[in-house]
Amino acid sequence: MDFLRNVFALNREIIYFVYGLVFFVLGLAISLQSRYTSRLELARNLKWLAAFGFTHGFHEWGDLFIPIQAEYLPAPAVLFLQHIHLILLAVSFAFLFEFGLSLLSPFGNWHWLRLIVIGVTAV
């Protein structure tokens, strides 16, 4: 178990880079795929999943970028980047939640749940 922990600790930067890249490629692949020729309802709602992929990928890359820049930037700039990092996380999960709601919309009126997303994201 210690061996695995050491491997992940030594390769943390590579893992975060690949993890962010997976989400970014998810967003890119969905964005480049033509959704307008499909008759599936799911294909019309994939824009939210693509937005989640982009924003969550940028958030994960922030775990690499911010500590590197913290050595060169003044403290207020680093604090600003950390706030943007947190906002990206909240916005990415709001996009994922919107994707889930768009899948539920044919089965009933779930529009009131959007108010929860707006409220939680604002907090």
Protein backbone atom coordinates (compact mmCIF):
# COMPACT_ATOMS: atom_id res chain seq x y z
CA MET A 1 0.00 0.00 0.00
CA ASP A 2 2.88 2.36 0.76
CA PHE A 3 4.37 1.63 -2.64
CA LEU A 4 1.20 2.75 -4.40
CA ARG A 5 0.94 5.85 -2.23
CA ASN A 6 4.53 6.75 -3.09
CA VAL A 7 3.96 6.22 -6.81
CA PHE A 8 0.94 8.52 -6.79
CA ALA A 9 2.71 11.11 -4.63
CA LEU A 10 5.73 11.21 -6.92
CA ASN A 11 3.59 11.45 -10.06
CA ARG A 12 0.95 13.84 -8.72
CA GLU A 13 1.55 16.47 -11.42
CA ILE A 14 1.28 13.95 -14.24
CA ILE A 15 -1.90 12.50 -12.76
CA TYR A 16 -3.54 15.93 -12.45
CA PHE A 17 -2.48 16.84 -15.98
CA VAL A 18 -3.93 13.64 -17.46
CA TYR A 19 -7.05 13.94 -15.29
CA GLY A 20 -7.67 17.49 -16.53
CA LEU A 21 -6.86 16.46 -20.09
CA VAL A 22 -9.49 13.71 -19.98
CA PHE A 23 -12.19 16.20 -19.04
CA PHE A 24 -10.97 18.73 -21.60
CA VAL A 25 -10.99 16.10 -24.36
CA LEU A 26 -14.49 15.08 -23.25
CA GLY A 27 -15.67 18.66 -23.78
CA LEU A 28 -13.80 18.99 -27.06
CA ALA A 29 -15.07 15.71 -28.49
CA ILE A 30 -18.67 16.53 -27.64
CA SER A 31 -18.32 20.06 -29.02
CA LEU A 32 -16.87 18.87 -32.30
CA GLN A 33 -19.41 16.10 -32.77
CA SER A 34 -22.42 17.15 -34.81
CA ARG A 35 -25.52 16.92 -32.63
CA TYR A 36 -28.01 18.36 -35.07
CA THR A 37 -28.40 15.28 -37.25
CA SER A 38 -29.40 13.06 -34.36
CA ARG A 39 -33.00 12.41 -33.41
CA LEU A 40 -32.02 11.44 -29.89
CA GLU A 41 -33.04 13.81 -27.11
CA LEU A 42 -29.75 13.07 -25.39
CA ALA A 43 -27.76 14.55 -28.28
CA ARG A 44 -29.50 17.92 -27.90
CA ASN A 45 -28.47 18.14 -24.26
CA LEU A 46 -24.82 17.23 -24.64
CA LYS A 47 -23.80 20.90 -24.75
CA TRP A 48 -24.08 20.95 -20.95
CA LEU A 49 -21.82 17.92 -20.65
CA ALA A 50 -19.29 19.57 -22.98
CA ALA A 51 -19.36 22.73 -20.85
CA PHE A 52 -18.77 20.57 -17.77
CA GLY A 53 -15.82 18.87 -19.44
CA PHE A 54 -14.14 22.15 -20.37
CA THR A 55 -14.66 23.89 -17.04
CA HIS A 56 -13.77 20.88 -14.92
CA GLY A 57 -10.66 20.25 -17.00
CA PHE A 58 -9.54 23.85 -16.45
CA HIS A 59 -10.26 23.45 -12.75
CA GLU A 60 -8.06 20.36 -12.52
CA TRP A 61 -5.27 22.13 -14.39
CA GLY A 62 -5.57 24.90 -11.83
CA ASP A 63 -4.28 22.42 -9.25
CA LEU A 64 -1.05 22.41 -11.24
CA PHE A 65 -0.97 26.01 -12.42
CA ILE A 66 -1.69 27.88 -9.18
CA PRO A 67 1.12 26.38 -7.03
CA ILE A 68 3.63 27.03 -9.81
CA GLN A 69 2.50 30.64 -10.23
CA ALA A 70 2.35 31.21 -6.46
CA GLU A 71 6.14 31.40 -6.43
CA TYR A 72 6.19 34.26 -8.95
CA LEU A 73 2.99 36.22 -8.33
CA PRO A 74 2.11 38.52 -5.43
CA ALA A 75 -0.20 37.15 -2.74
CA PRO A 76 -3.33 39.06 -3.94
CA ALA A 77 -2.95 37.59 -7.43
CA VAL A 78 -2.62 34.08 -6.01
CA LEU A 79 -5.70 34.65 -3.87
CA PHE A 80 -7.57 35.82 -6.97
CA LEU A 81 -6.52 32.67 -8.84
CA GLN A 82 -7.69 30.52 -5.94
CA HIS A 83 -11.08 32.23 -6.05
CA ILE A 84 -11.33 31.64 -9.80
CA HIS A 85 -10.34 28.02 -9.17
CA LEU A 86 -13.18 27.58 -6.70
CA ILE A 87 -15.66 29.35 -8.99
CA LEU A 88 -14.67 27.05 -11.87
CA LEU A 89 -15.42 24.03 -9.69
CA ALA A 90 -18.86 25.36 -8.75
CA VAL A 91 -19.69 26.32 -12.33
CA SER A 92 -18.53 22.97 -13.68
CA PHE A 93 -20.82 21.05 -11.35
CA ALA A 94 -23.65 23.47 -12.15
CA PHE A 95 -23.20 22.52 -15.81
CA LEU A 96 -23.26 18.84 -14.87
CA PHE A 97 -26.42 19.38 -12.84
CA GLU A 98 -28.02 21.21 -15.77
CA PHE A 99 -27.14 18.27 -18.00
CA GLY A 100 -28.90 15.94 -15.57
CA LEU A 101 -31.94 18.23 -15.44
CA SER A 102 -32.12 18.42 -19.21
CA LEU A 103 -32.27 14.62 -19.29
CA LEU A 104 -35.12 14.63 -16.77
CA SER A 105 -37.18 17.30 -18.53
CA PRO A 106 -39.17 14.87 -20.73
CA PHE A 107 -40.37 13.07 -17.58
CA GLY A 108 -41.85 16.00 -15.73
CA ASN A 109 -41.50 19.57 -14.64
CA TRP A 110 -38.12 19.84 -12.92
CA HIS A 111 -37.54 23.54 -13.62
CA TRP A 112 -37.78 24.46 -9.94
CA LEU A 113 -34.55 22.55 -9.35
CA ARG A 114 -32.70 25.20 -11.38
CA LEU A 115 -33.35 27.63 -8.54
CA ILE A 116 -31.40 25.33 -6.24
CA VAL A 117 -28.46 25.36 -8.64
CA ILE A 118 -28.51 29.14 -8.88
CA GLY A 119 -28.72 29.48 -5.11
CA VAL A 120 -25.98 26.99 -4.33
CA THR A 121 -23.69 28.39 -7.02
CA ALA A 122 -24.22 31.92 -5.73
CA VAL A 123 -23.27 30.90 -2.20
